[in-house]
mmCIF file of all heavy atoms, coordinates in Angstrom:
data_MODEL
# 
_entry.id   MODEL 
# 
loop_
_atom_site.group_PDB 
_atom_site.id 
_atom_site.type_symbol 
_atom_site.label_atom_id 
_atom_site.label_alt_id 
_atom_site.label_comp_id 
_atom_site.label_asym_id 
_atom_site.label_entity_id 
_atom_site.label_seq_id 
_atom_site.pdbx_PDB_ins_code 
_atom_site.Cartn_x 
_atom_site.Cartn_y 
_atom_site.Cartn_z 
_atom_site.occupancy 
_atom_site.B_iso_or_equiv 
_atom_site.pdbx_formal_charge 
_atom_site.auth_seq_id 
_atom_site.auth_comp_id 
_atom_site.auth_asym_id 
_atom_site.auth_atom_id 
_atom_site.pdbx_PDB_model_num 
ATOM 1   N N   . ASN A 1 1  ? -10.301 20.381 -19.811 1.00 0.00 ? 1  ASN A N   1 
ATOM 2   C CA  . ASN A 1 1  ? -11.270 20.096 -20.850 1.00 0.00 ? 1  ASN A CA  1 
ATOM 3   C C   . ASN A 1 1  ? -11.026 20.909 -22.107 1.00 0.00 ? 1  ASN A C   1 
ATOM 4   O O   . ASN A 1 1  ? -10.890 20.350 -23.208 1.00 0.00 ? 1  ASN A O   1 
ATOM 5   C CB  . ASN A 1 1  ? -12.701 20.370 -20.355 1.00 0.00 ? 1  ASN A CB  1 
ATOM 6   C CG  . ASN A 1 1  ? -13.759 20.078 -21.392 1.00 0.00 ? 1  ASN A CG  1 
ATOM 7   O OD1 . ASN A 1 1  ? -13.792 18.999 -21.989 1.00 0.00 ? 1  ASN A OD1 1 
ATOM 8   N ND2 . ASN A 1 1  ? -14.640 21.021 -21.641 1.00 0.00 ? 1  ASN A ND2 1 
ATOM 9   N N   . CYS A 1 2  ? -10.932 22.239 -21.966 1.00 0.00 ? 2  CYS A N   1 
ATOM 10  C CA  . CYS A 1 2  ? -10.820 23.107 -23.172 1.00 0.00 ? 2  CYS A CA  1 
ATOM 11  C C   . CYS A 1 2  ? -9.420  23.675 -23.387 1.00 0.00 ? 2  CYS A C   1 
ATOM 12  O O   . CYS A 1 2  ? -9.138  24.241 -24.450 1.00 0.00 ? 2  CYS A O   1 
ATOM 13  C CB  . CYS A 1 2  ? -11.840 24.230 -23.110 1.00 0.00 ? 2  CYS A CB  1 
ATOM 14  S SG  . CYS A 1 2  ? -11.519 25.486 -21.867 1.00 0.00 ? 2  CYS A SG  1 
ATOM 15  N N   . GLY A 1 3  ? -8.556  23.554 -22.399 1.00 0.00 ? 3  GLY A N   1 
ATOM 16  C CA  . GLY A 1 3  ? -7.173  24.021 -22.559 1.00 0.00 ? 3  GLY A CA  1 
ATOM 17  C C   . GLY A 1 3  ? -6.967  25.510 -22.289 1.00 0.00 ? 3  GLY A C   1 
ATOM 18  O O   . GLY A 1 3  ? -5.858  26.012 -22.432 1.00 0.00 ? 3  GLY A O   1 
ATOM 19  N N   . LYS A 1 4  ? -8.027  26.222 -21.902 1.00 0.00 ? 4  LYS A N   1 
ATOM 20  C CA  . LYS A 1 4  ? -7.868  27.652 -21.597 1.00 0.00 ? 4  LYS A CA  1 
ATOM 21  C C   . LYS A 1 4  ? -6.973  27.845 -20.391 1.00 0.00 ? 4  LYS A C   1 
ATOM 22  O O   . LYS A 1 4  ? -6.997  27.070 -19.439 1.00 0.00 ? 4  LYS A O   1 
ATOM 23  C CB  . LYS A 1 4  ? -9.247  28.281 -21.294 1.00 0.00 ? 4  LYS A CB  1 
ATOM 24  C CG  . LYS A 1 4  ? -9.197  29.778 -20.996 1.00 0.00 ? 4  LYS A CG  1 
ATOM 25  C CD  . LYS A 1 4  ? -10.492 30.281 -20.382 1.00 0.00 ? 4  LYS A CD  1 
ATOM 26  C CE  . LYS A 1 4  ? -10.536 30.097 -18.874 1.00 0.00 ? 4  LYS A CE  1 
ATOM 27  N NZ  . LYS A 1 4  ? -9.646  31.035 -18.140 1.00 0.00 ? 4  LYS A NZ  1 
ATOM 28  N N   . GLU A 1 5  ? -6.173  28.899 -20.413 1.00 0.00 ? 5  GLU A N   1 
ATOM 29  C CA  . GLU A 1 5  ? -5.339  29.194 -19.251 1.00 0.00 ? 5  GLU A CA  1 
ATOM 30  C C   . GLU A 1 5  ? -6.243  29.577 -18.065 1.00 0.00 ? 5  GLU A C   1 
ATOM 31  O O   . GLU A 1 5  ? -7.115  30.444 -18.186 1.00 0.00 ? 5  GLU A O   1 
ATOM 32  C CB  . GLU A 1 5  ? -4.348  30.318 -19.540 1.00 0.00 ? 5  GLU A CB  1 
ATOM 33  C CG  . GLU A 1 5  ? -3.453  30.624 -18.352 1.00 0.00 ? 5  GLU A CG  1 
ATOM 34  C CD  . GLU A 1 5  ? -2.411  31.699 -18.653 1.00 0.00 ? 5  GLU A CD  1 
ATOM 35  O OE1 . GLU A 1 5  ? -2.347  32.177 -19.815 1.00 0.00 ? 5  GLU A OE1 1 
ATOM 36  O OE2 . GLU A 1 5  ? -1.655  32.032 -17.735 1.00 0.00 ? 5  GLU A OE2 1 
ATOM 37  N N   . LEU A 1 6  ? -5.985  28.961 -16.908 1.00 0.00 ? 6  LEU A N   1 
ATOM 38  C CA  . LEU A 1 6  ? -6.772  29.254 -15.714 1.00 0.00 ? 6  LEU A CA  1 
ATOM 39  C C   . LEU A 1 6  ? -6.142  30.428 -14.972 1.00 0.00 ? 6  LEU A C   1 
ATOM 40  O O   . LEU A 1 6  ? -4.936  30.471 -14.773 1.00 0.00 ? 6  LEU A O   1 
ATOM 41  C CB  . LEU A 1 6  ? -6.814  28.030 -14.806 1.00 0.00 ? 6  LEU A CB  1 
ATOM 42  C CG  . LEU A 1 6  ? -7.529  26.802 -15.336 1.00 0.00 ? 6  LEU A CG  1 
ATOM 43  C CD1 . LEU A 1 6  ? -7.295  25.610 -14.436 1.00 0.00 ? 6  LEU A CD1 1 
ATOM 44  C CD2 . LEU A 1 6  ? -9.041  27.067 -15.493 1.00 0.00 ? 6  LEU A CD2 1 
ATOM 45  N N   . THR A 1 7  ? -6.977  31.360 -14.579 1.00 0.00 ? 7  THR A N   1 
ATOM 46  C CA  . THR A 1 7  ? -6.477  32.549 -13.869 1.00 0.00 ? 7  THR A CA  1 
ATOM 47  C C   . THR A 1 7  ? -6.330  32.226 -12.378 1.00 0.00 ? 7  THR A C   1 
ATOM 48  O O   . THR A 1 7  ? -6.852  31.236 -11.856 1.00 0.00 ? 7  THR A O   1 
ATOM 49  C CB  . THR A 1 7  ? -7.457  33.715 -14.021 1.00 0.00 ? 7  THR A CB  1 
ATOM 50  O OG1 . THR A 1 7  ? -8.705  33.369 -13.367 1.00 0.00 ? 7  THR A OG1 1 
ATOM 51  C CG2 . THR A 1 7  ? -7.728  33.993 -15.482 1.00 0.00 ? 7  THR A CG2 1 
ATOM 52  N N   . ASN A 1 8  ? -5.613  33.117 -11.673 1.00 0.00 ? 8  ASN A N   1 
ATOM 53  C CA  . ASN A 1 8  ? -5.480  32.976 -10.218 1.00 0.00 ? 8  ASN A CA  1 
ATOM 54  C C   . ASN A 1 8  ? -6.842  33.025 -9.546  1.00 0.00 ? 8  ASN A C   1 
ATOM 55  O O   . ASN A 1 8  ? -7.097  32.308 -8.573  1.00 0.00 ? 8  ASN A O   1 
ATOM 56  C CB  . ASN A 1 8  ? -4.584  34.083 -9.661  1.00 0.00 ? 8  ASN A CB  1 
ATOM 57  C CG  . ASN A 1 8  ? -3.135  33.919 -10.102 1.00 0.00 ? 8  ASN A CG  1 
ATOM 58  O OD1 . ASN A 1 8  ? -2.707  32.852 -10.534 1.00 0.00 ? 8  ASN A OD1 1 
ATOM 59  N ND2 . ASN A 1 8  ? -2.381  35.005 -10.027 1.00 0.00 ? 8  ASN A ND2 1 
ATOM 60  N N   . LYS A 1 9  ? -7.725  33.873 -10.080 1.00 0.00 ? 9  LYS A N   1 
ATOM 61  C CA  . LYS A 1 9  ? -9.065  34.002 -9.513  1.00 0.00 ? 9  LYS A CA  1 
ATOM 62  C C   . LYS A 1 9  ? -9.850  32.719 -9.654  1.00 0.00 ? 9  LYS A C   1 
ATOM 63  O O   . LYS A 1 9  ? -10.558 32.280 -8.739  1.00 0.00 ? 9  LYS A O   1 
ATOM 64  C CB  . LYS A 1 9  ? -9.811  35.161 -10.178 1.00 0.00 ? 9  LYS A CB  1 
ATOM 65  C CG  . LYS A 1 9  ? -10.990 35.677 -9.407  1.00 0.00 ? 9  LYS A CG  1 
ATOM 66  C CD  . LYS A 1 9  ? -10.540 36.414 -8.178  1.00 0.00 ? 9  LYS A CD  1 
ATOM 67  C CE  . LYS A 1 9  ? -11.710 37.080 -7.464  1.00 0.00 ? 9  LYS A CE  1 
ATOM 68  N NZ  . LYS A 1 9  ? -11.287 37.779 -6.231  1.00 0.00 ? 9  LYS A NZ  1 
ATOM 69  N N   . GLU A 1 10 ? -9.703  32.072 -10.791 1.00 0.00 ? 10 GLU A N   1 
ATOM 70  C CA  . GLU A 1 10 ? -10.415 30.807 -10.994 1.00 0.00 ? 10 GLU A CA  1 
ATOM 71  C C   . GLU A 1 10 ? -9.911  29.707 -10.057 1.00 0.00 ? 10 GLU A C   1 
ATOM 72  O O   . GLU A 1 10 ? -10.690 28.897 -9.545  1.00 0.00 ? 10 GLU A O   1 
ATOM 73  C CB  . GLU A 1 10 ? -10.244 30.327 -12.450 1.00 0.00 ? 10 GLU A CB  1 
ATOM 74  C CG  . GLU A 1 10 ? -11.112 31.107 -13.443 1.00 0.00 ? 10 GLU A CG  1 
ATOM 75  C CD  . GLU A 1 10 ? -10.785 30.782 -14.902 1.00 0.00 ? 10 GLU A CD  1 
ATOM 76  O OE1 . GLU A 1 10 ? -9.584  30.852 -15.263 1.00 0.00 ? 10 GLU A OE1 1 
ATOM 77  O OE2 . GLU A 1 10 ? -11.713 30.468 -15.637 1.00 0.00 ? 10 GLU A OE2 1 
ATOM 78  N N   . ARG A 1 11 ? -8.612  29.716 -9.791  1.00 0.00 ? 11 ARG A N   1 
ATOM 79  C CA  . ARG A 1 11 ? -8.060  28.730 -8.850  1.00 0.00 ? 11 ARG A CA  1 
ATOM 80  C C   . ARG A 1 11 ? -8.500  29.024 -7.413  1.00 0.00 ? 11 ARG A C   1 
ATOM 81  O O   . ARG A 1 11 ? -8.643  28.129 -6.602  1.00 0.00 ? 11 ARG A O   1 
ATOM 82  C CB  . ARG A 1 11 ? -6.540  28.718 -8.930  1.00 0.00 ? 11 ARG A CB  1 
ATOM 83  C CG  . ARG A 1 11 ? -5.986  28.034 -10.167 1.00 0.00 ? 11 ARG A CG  1 
ATOM 84  C CD  . ARG A 1 11 ? -4.507  27.790 -10.033 1.00 0.00 ? 11 ARG A CD  1 
ATOM 85  N NE  . ARG A 1 11 ? -3.739  29.031 -9.979  1.00 0.00 ? 11 ARG A NE  1 
ATOM 86  C CZ  . ARG A 1 11 ? -2.735  29.249 -9.139  1.00 0.00 ? 11 ARG A CZ  1 
ATOM 87  N NH1 . ARG A 1 11 ? -2.417  28.349 -8.229  1.00 0.00 ? 11 ARG A NH1 1 
ATOM 88  N NH2 . ARG A 1 11 ? -2.084  30.406 -9.171  1.00 0.00 ? 11 ARG A NH2 1 
ATOM 89  N N   . GLN A 1 12 ? -8.706  30.300 -7.139  1.00 0.00 ? 12 GLN A N   1 
ATOM 90  C CA  . GLN A 1 12 ? -9.076  30.698 -5.784  1.00 0.00 ? 12 GLN A CA  1 
ATOM 91  C C   . GLN A 1 12 ? -10.545 30.451 -5.461  1.00 0.00 ? 12 GLN A C   1 
ATOM 92  O O   . GLN A 1 12 ? -10.863 30.036 -4.351  1.00 0.00 ? 12 GLN A O   1 
ATOM 93  C CB  . GLN A 1 12 ? -8.743  32.188 -5.581  1.00 0.00 ? 12 GLN A CB  1 
ATOM 94  C CG  . GLN A 1 12 ? -8.957  32.691 -4.170  1.00 0.00 ? 12 GLN A CG  1 
ATOM 95  C CD  . GLN A 1 12 ? -8.570  34.151 -4.042  1.00 0.00 ? 12 GLN A CD  1 
ATOM 96  O OE1 . GLN A 1 12 ? -8.324  34.830 -5.056  1.00 0.00 ? 12 GLN A OE1 1 
ATOM 97  N NE2 . GLN A 1 12 ? -8.518  34.639 -2.824  1.00 0.00 ? 12 GLN A NE2 1 
ATOM 98  N N   . LEU A 1 13 ? -11.402 30.681 -6.434  1.00 0.00 ? 13 LEU A N   1 
ATOM 99  C CA  . LEU A 1 13 ? -12.840 30.538 -6.208  1.00 0.00 ? 13 LEU A CA  1 
ATOM 100 C C   . LEU A 1 13 ? -13.281 29.100 -6.473  1.00 0.00 ? 13 LEU A C   1 
ATOM 101 O O   . LEU A 1 13 ? -13.415 28.673 -7.609  1.00 0.00 ? 13 LEU A O   1 
ATOM 102 C CB  . LEU A 1 13 ? -13.616 31.507 -7.105  1.00 0.00 ? 13 LEU A CB  1 
ATOM 103 C CG  . LEU A 1 13 ? -13.348 33.009 -6.887  1.00 0.00 ? 13 LEU A CG  1 
ATOM 104 C CD1 . LEU A 1 13 ? -14.129 33.849 -7.878  1.00 0.00 ? 13 LEU A CD1 1 
ATOM 105 C CD2 . LEU A 1 13 ? -13.734 33.405 -5.456  1.00 0.00 ? 13 LEU A CD2 1 
ATOM 106 N N   . GLY A 1 14 ? -13.431 28.358 -5.417  1.00 0.00 ? 14 GLY A N   1 
ATOM 107 C CA  . GLY A 1 14 ? -13.833 26.966 -5.565  1.00 0.00 ? 14 GLY A CA  1 
ATOM 108 C C   . GLY A 1 14 ? -14.614 26.484 -4.366  1.00 0.00 ? 14 GLY A C   1 
ATOM 109 O O   . GLY A 1 14 ? -15.100 27.255 -3.583  1.00 0.00 ? 14 GLY A O   1 
ATOM 110 N N   . ARG A 1 15 ? -14.731 25.183 -4.251  1.00 0.00 ? 15 ARG A N   1 
ATOM 111 C CA  . ARG A 1 15 ? -15.445 24.596 -3.138  1.00 0.00 ? 15 ARG A CA  1 
ATOM 112 C C   . ARG A 1 15 ? -14.867 23.215 -2.831  1.00 0.00 ? 15 ARG A C   1 
ATOM 113 O O   . ARG A 1 15 ? -14.367 22.528 -3.727  1.00 0.00 ? 15 ARG A O   1 
ATOM 114 C CB  . ARG A 1 15 ? -16.947 24.467 -3.448  1.00 0.00 ? 15 ARG A CB  1 
ATOM 115 C CG  . ARG A 1 15 ? -17.241 23.541 -4.629  1.00 0.00 ? 15 ARG A CG  1 
ATOM 116 C CD  . ARG A 1 15 ? -18.743 23.296 -4.804  1.00 0.00 ? 15 ARG A CD  1 
ATOM 117 N NE  . ARG A 1 15 ? -19.027 22.424 -5.949  1.00 0.00 ? 15 ARG A NE  1 
ATOM 118 C CZ  . ARG A 1 15 ? -20.024 21.560 -5.952  1.00 0.00 ? 15 ARG A CZ  1 
ATOM 119 N NH1 . ARG A 1 15 ? -20.787 21.391 -4.885  1.00 0.00 ? 15 ARG A NH1 1 
ATOM 120 N NH2 . ARG A 1 15 ? -20.257 20.810 -7.033  1.00 0.00 ? 15 ARG A NH2 1 
ATOM 121 N N   . TRP A 1 16 ? -14.922 22.854 -1.550  1.00 0.00 ? 16 TRP A N   1 
ATOM 122 C CA  . TRP A 1 16 ? -14.507 21.505 -1.151  1.00 0.00 ? 16 TRP A CA  1 
ATOM 123 C C   . TRP A 1 16 ? -15.620 20.515 -1.516  1.00 0.00 ? 16 TRP A C   1 
ATOM 124 O O   . TRP A 1 16 ? -16.768 20.751 -1.164  1.00 0.00 ? 16 TRP A O   1 
ATOM 125 C CB  . TRP A 1 16 ? -14.234 21.445 0.338   1.00 0.00 ? 16 TRP A CB  1 
ATOM 126 C CG  . TRP A 1 16 ? -12.985 22.129 0.757   1.00 0.00 ? 16 TRP A CG  1 
ATOM 127 C CD1 . TRP A 1 16 ? -12.867 23.288 1.478   1.00 0.00 ? 16 TRP A CD1 1 
ATOM 128 C CD2 . TRP A 1 16 ? -11.628 21.712 0.500   1.00 0.00 ? 16 TRP A CD2 1 
ATOM 129 N NE1 . TRP A 1 16 ? -11.555 23.605 1.669   1.00 0.00 ? 16 TRP A NE1 1 
ATOM 130 C CE2 . TRP A 1 16 ? -10.770 22.652 1.081   1.00 0.00 ? 16 TRP A CE2 1 
ATOM 131 C CE3 . TRP A 1 16 ? -11.079 20.627 -0.180  1.00 0.00 ? 16 TRP A CE3 1 
ATOM 132 C CZ2 . TRP A 1 16 ? -9.387  22.557 1.015   1.00 0.00 ? 16 TRP A CZ2 1 
ATOM 133 C CZ3 . TRP A 1 16 ? -9.690  20.516 -0.234  1.00 0.00 ? 16 TRP A CZ3 1 
ATOM 134 C CH2 . TRP A 1 16 ? -8.863  21.475 0.354   1.00 0.00 ? 16 TRP A CH2 1 
ATOM 135 N N   . LYS A 1 17 ? -15.240 19.455 -2.196  1.00 0.00 ? 17 LYS A N   1 
ATOM 136 C CA  . LYS A 1 17 ? -16.226 18.464 -2.636  1.00 0.00 ? 17 LYS A CA  1 
ATOM 137 C C   . LYS A 1 17 ? -15.669 17.057 -2.413  1.00 0.00 ? 17 LYS A C   1 
ATOM 138 O O   . LYS A 1 17 ? -14.562 16.753 -2.871  1.00 0.00 ? 17 LYS A O   1 
ATOM 139 C CB  . LYS A 1 17 ? -16.512 18.701 -4.116  1.00 0.00 ? 17 LYS A CB  1 
ATOM 140 C CG  . LYS A 1 17 ? -17.579 17.810 -4.713  1.00 0.00 ? 17 LYS A CG  1 
ATOM 141 C CD  . LYS A 1 17 ? -17.796 18.198 -6.182  1.00 0.00 ? 17 LYS A CD  1 
ATOM 142 C CE  . LYS A 1 17 ? -18.778 17.266 -6.872  1.00 0.00 ? 17 LYS A CE  1 
ATOM 143 N NZ  . LYS A 1 17 ? -18.964 17.622 -8.304  1.00 0.00 ? 17 LYS A NZ  1 
ATOM 144 N N   . PRO A 1 18 ? -16.401 16.188 -1.724  1.00 0.00 ? 18 PRO A N   1 
ATOM 145 C CA  . PRO A 1 18 ? -15.876 14.829 -1.476  1.00 0.00 ? 18 PRO A CA  1 
ATOM 146 C C   . PRO A 1 18 ? -15.821 13.999 -2.746  1.00 0.00 ? 18 PRO A C   1 
ATOM 147 O O   . PRO A 1 18 ? -16.750 14.067 -3.570  1.00 0.00 ? 18 PRO A O   1 
ATOM 148 C CB  . PRO A 1 18 ? -16.876 14.247 -0.480  1.00 0.00 ? 18 PRO A CB  1 
ATOM 149 C CG  . PRO A 1 18 ? -18.126 15.045 -0.653  1.00 0.00 ? 18 PRO A CG  1 
ATOM 150 C CD  . PRO A 1 18 ? -17.700 16.405 -1.059  1.00 0.00 ? 18 PRO A CD  1 
ATOM 151 N N   . THR A 1 19 ? -14.744 13.265 -2.913  1.00 0.00 ? 19 THR A N   1 
ATOM 152 C CA  . THR A 1 19 ? -14.627 12.349 -4.047  1.00 0.00 ? 19 THR A CA  1 
ATOM 153 C C   . THR A 1 19 ? -14.844 10.904 -3.603  1.00 0.00 ? 19 THR A C   1 
ATOM 154 O O   . THR A 1 19 ? -14.833 9.988  -4.422  1.00 0.00 ? 19 THR A O   1 
ATOM 155 C CB  . THR A 1 19 ? -13.223 12.466 -4.718  1.00 0.00 ? 19 THR A CB  1 
ATOM 156 O OG1 . THR A 1 19 ? -12.218 12.146 -3.741  1.00 0.00 ? 19 THR A OG1 1 
ATOM 157 C CG2 . THR A 1 19 ? -13.013 13.877 -5.221  1.00 0.00 ? 19 THR A CG2 1 
ATOM 158 N N   . ASN A 1 20 ? -15.015 10.725 -2.287  1.00 0.00 ? 20 ASN A N   1 
ATOM 159 C CA  . ASN A 1 20 ? -15.297 9.388  -1.725  1.00 0.00 ? 20 ASN A CA  1 
ATOM 160 C C   . ASN A 1 20 ? -16.377 9.561  -0.659  1.00 0.00 ? 20 ASN A C   1 
ATOM 161 O O   . ASN A 1 20 ? -16.147 9.364  0.530   1.00 0.00 ? 20 ASN A O   1 
ATOM 162 C CB  . ASN A 1 20 ? -14.003 8.827  -1.105  1.00 0.00 ? 20 ASN A CB  1 
ATOM 163 C CG  . ASN A 1 20 ? -14.147 7.377  -0.632  1.00 0.00 ? 20 ASN A CG  1 
ATOM 164 O OD1 . ASN A 1 20 ? -14.864 6.607  -1.236  1.00 0.00 ? 20 ASN A OD1 1 
ATOM 165 N ND2 . ASN A 1 20 ? -13.449 7.033  0.438   1.00 0.00 ? 20 ASN A ND2 1 
ATOM 166 N N   . PRO A 1 21 ? -17.586 9.966  -1.095  1.00 0.00 ? 21 PRO A N   1 
ATOM 167 C CA  . PRO A 1 21 ? -18.630 10.397 -0.151  1.00 0.00 ? 21 PRO A CA  1 
ATOM 168 C C   . PRO A 1 21 ? -19.138 9.267  0.728   1.00 0.00 ? 21 PRO A C   1 
ATOM 169 O O   . PRO A 1 21 ? -18.956 8.087  0.428   1.00 0.00 ? 21 PRO A O   1 
ATOM 170 C CB  . PRO A 1 21 ? -19.744 10.917 -1.107  1.00 0.00 ? 21 PRO A CB  1 
ATOM 171 C CG  . PRO A 1 21 ? -19.507 10.209 -2.388  1.00 0.00 ? 21 PRO A CG  1 
ATOM 172 C CD  . PRO A 1 21 ? -18.031 10.029 -2.517  1.00 0.00 ? 21 PRO A CD  1 
ATOM 173 N N   . GLY A 1 22 ? -19.770 9.697  1.835   1.00 0.00 ? 22 GLY A N   1 
ATOM 174 C CA  . GLY A 1 22 ? -20.431 8.750  2.705   1.00 0.00 ? 22 GLY A CA  1 
ATOM 175 C C   . GLY A 1 22 ? -19.550 8.209  3.838   1.00 0.00 ? 22 GLY A C   1 
ATOM 176 O O   . GLY A 1 22 ? -19.954 7.284  4.543   1.00 0.00 ? 22 GLY A O   1 
ATOM 177 N N   . LYS A 1 23 ? -18.356 8.794  4.028   1.00 0.00 ? 23 LYS A N   1 
ATOM 178 C CA  . LYS A 1 23 ? -17.434 8.326  5.060   1.00 0.00 ? 23 LYS A CA  1 
ATOM 179 C C   . LYS A 1 23 ? -17.569 9.193  6.310   1.00 0.00 ? 23 LYS A C   1 
ATOM 180 O O   . LYS A 1 23 ? -17.919 10.373 6.255   1.00 0.00 ? 23 LYS A O   1 
ATOM 181 C CB  . LYS A 1 23 ? -15.993 8.360  4.565   1.00 0.00 ? 23 LYS A CB  1 
ATOM 182 C CG  . LYS A 1 23 ? -15.752 7.564  3.297   1.00 0.00 ? 23 LYS A CG  1 
ATOM 183 C CD  . LYS A 1 23 ? -15.973 6.076  3.553   1.00 0.00 ? 23 LYS A CD  1 
ATOM 184 C CE  . LYS A 1 23 ? -15.667 5.255  2.300   1.00 0.00 ? 23 LYS A CE  1 
ATOM 185 N NZ  . LYS A 1 23 ? -15.857 3.811  2.543   1.00 0.00 ? 23 LYS A NZ  1 
ATOM 186 N N   . GLU A 1 24 ? -17.266 8.597  7.471   1.00 0.00 ? 24 GLU A N   1 
ATOM 187 C CA  . GLU A 1 24 ? -17.366 9.338  8.735   1.00 0.00 ? 24 GLU A CA  1 
ATOM 188 C C   . GLU A 1 24 ? -16.210 10.328 8.906   1.00 0.00 ? 24 GLU A C   1 
ATOM 189 O O   . GLU A 1 24 ? -16.337 11.336 9.574   1.00 0.00 ? 24 GLU A O   1 
ATOM 190 C CB  . GLU A 1 24 ? -17.387 8.374  9.919   1.00 0.00 ? 24 GLU A CB  1 
ATOM 191 C CG  . GLU A 1 24 ? -18.681 7.534  9.997   1.00 0.00 ? 24 GLU A CG  1 
ATOM 192 C CD  . GLU A 1 24 ? -18.747 6.688  11.252  1.00 0.00 ? 24 GLU A CD  1 
ATOM 193 O OE1 . GLU A 1 24 ? -17.724 6.693  12.023  1.00 0.00 ? 24 GLU A OE1 1 
ATOM 194 O OE2 . GLU A 1 24 ? -19.761 6.037  11.462  1.00 0.00 ? 24 GLU A OE2 1 
ATOM 195 N N   . ILE A 1 25 ? -15.058 10.003 8.327   1.00 0.00 ? 25 ILE A N   1 
ATOM 196 C CA  . ILE A 1 25 ? -13.863 10.837 8.464   1.00 0.00 ? 25 ILE A CA  1 
ATOM 197 C C   . ILE A 1 25 ? -13.880 11.916 7.382   1.00 0.00 ? 25 ILE A C   1 
ATOM 198 O O   . ILE A 1 25 ? -14.083 11.647 6.205   1.00 0.00 ? 25 ILE A O   1 
ATOM 199 C CB  . ILE A 1 25 ? -12.563 10.009 8.360   1.00 0.00 ? 25 ILE A CB  1 
ATOM 200 C CG1 . ILE A 1 25 ? -12.517 8.980  9.487   1.00 0.00 ? 25 ILE A CG1 1 
ATOM 201 C CG2 . ILE A 1 25 ? -11.344 10.909 8.394   1.00 0.00 ? 25 ILE A CG2 1 
ATOM 202 C CD1 . ILE A 1 25 ? -11.334 8.020  9.371   1.00 0.00 ? 25 ILE A CD1 1 
# 
């Protein structure tokens, strides 16, 4: 979005989020 360099910490701190929600698998 803004072009700022992403740090290692930013890449590490995240969460799993479904992009195709509502599936059994």
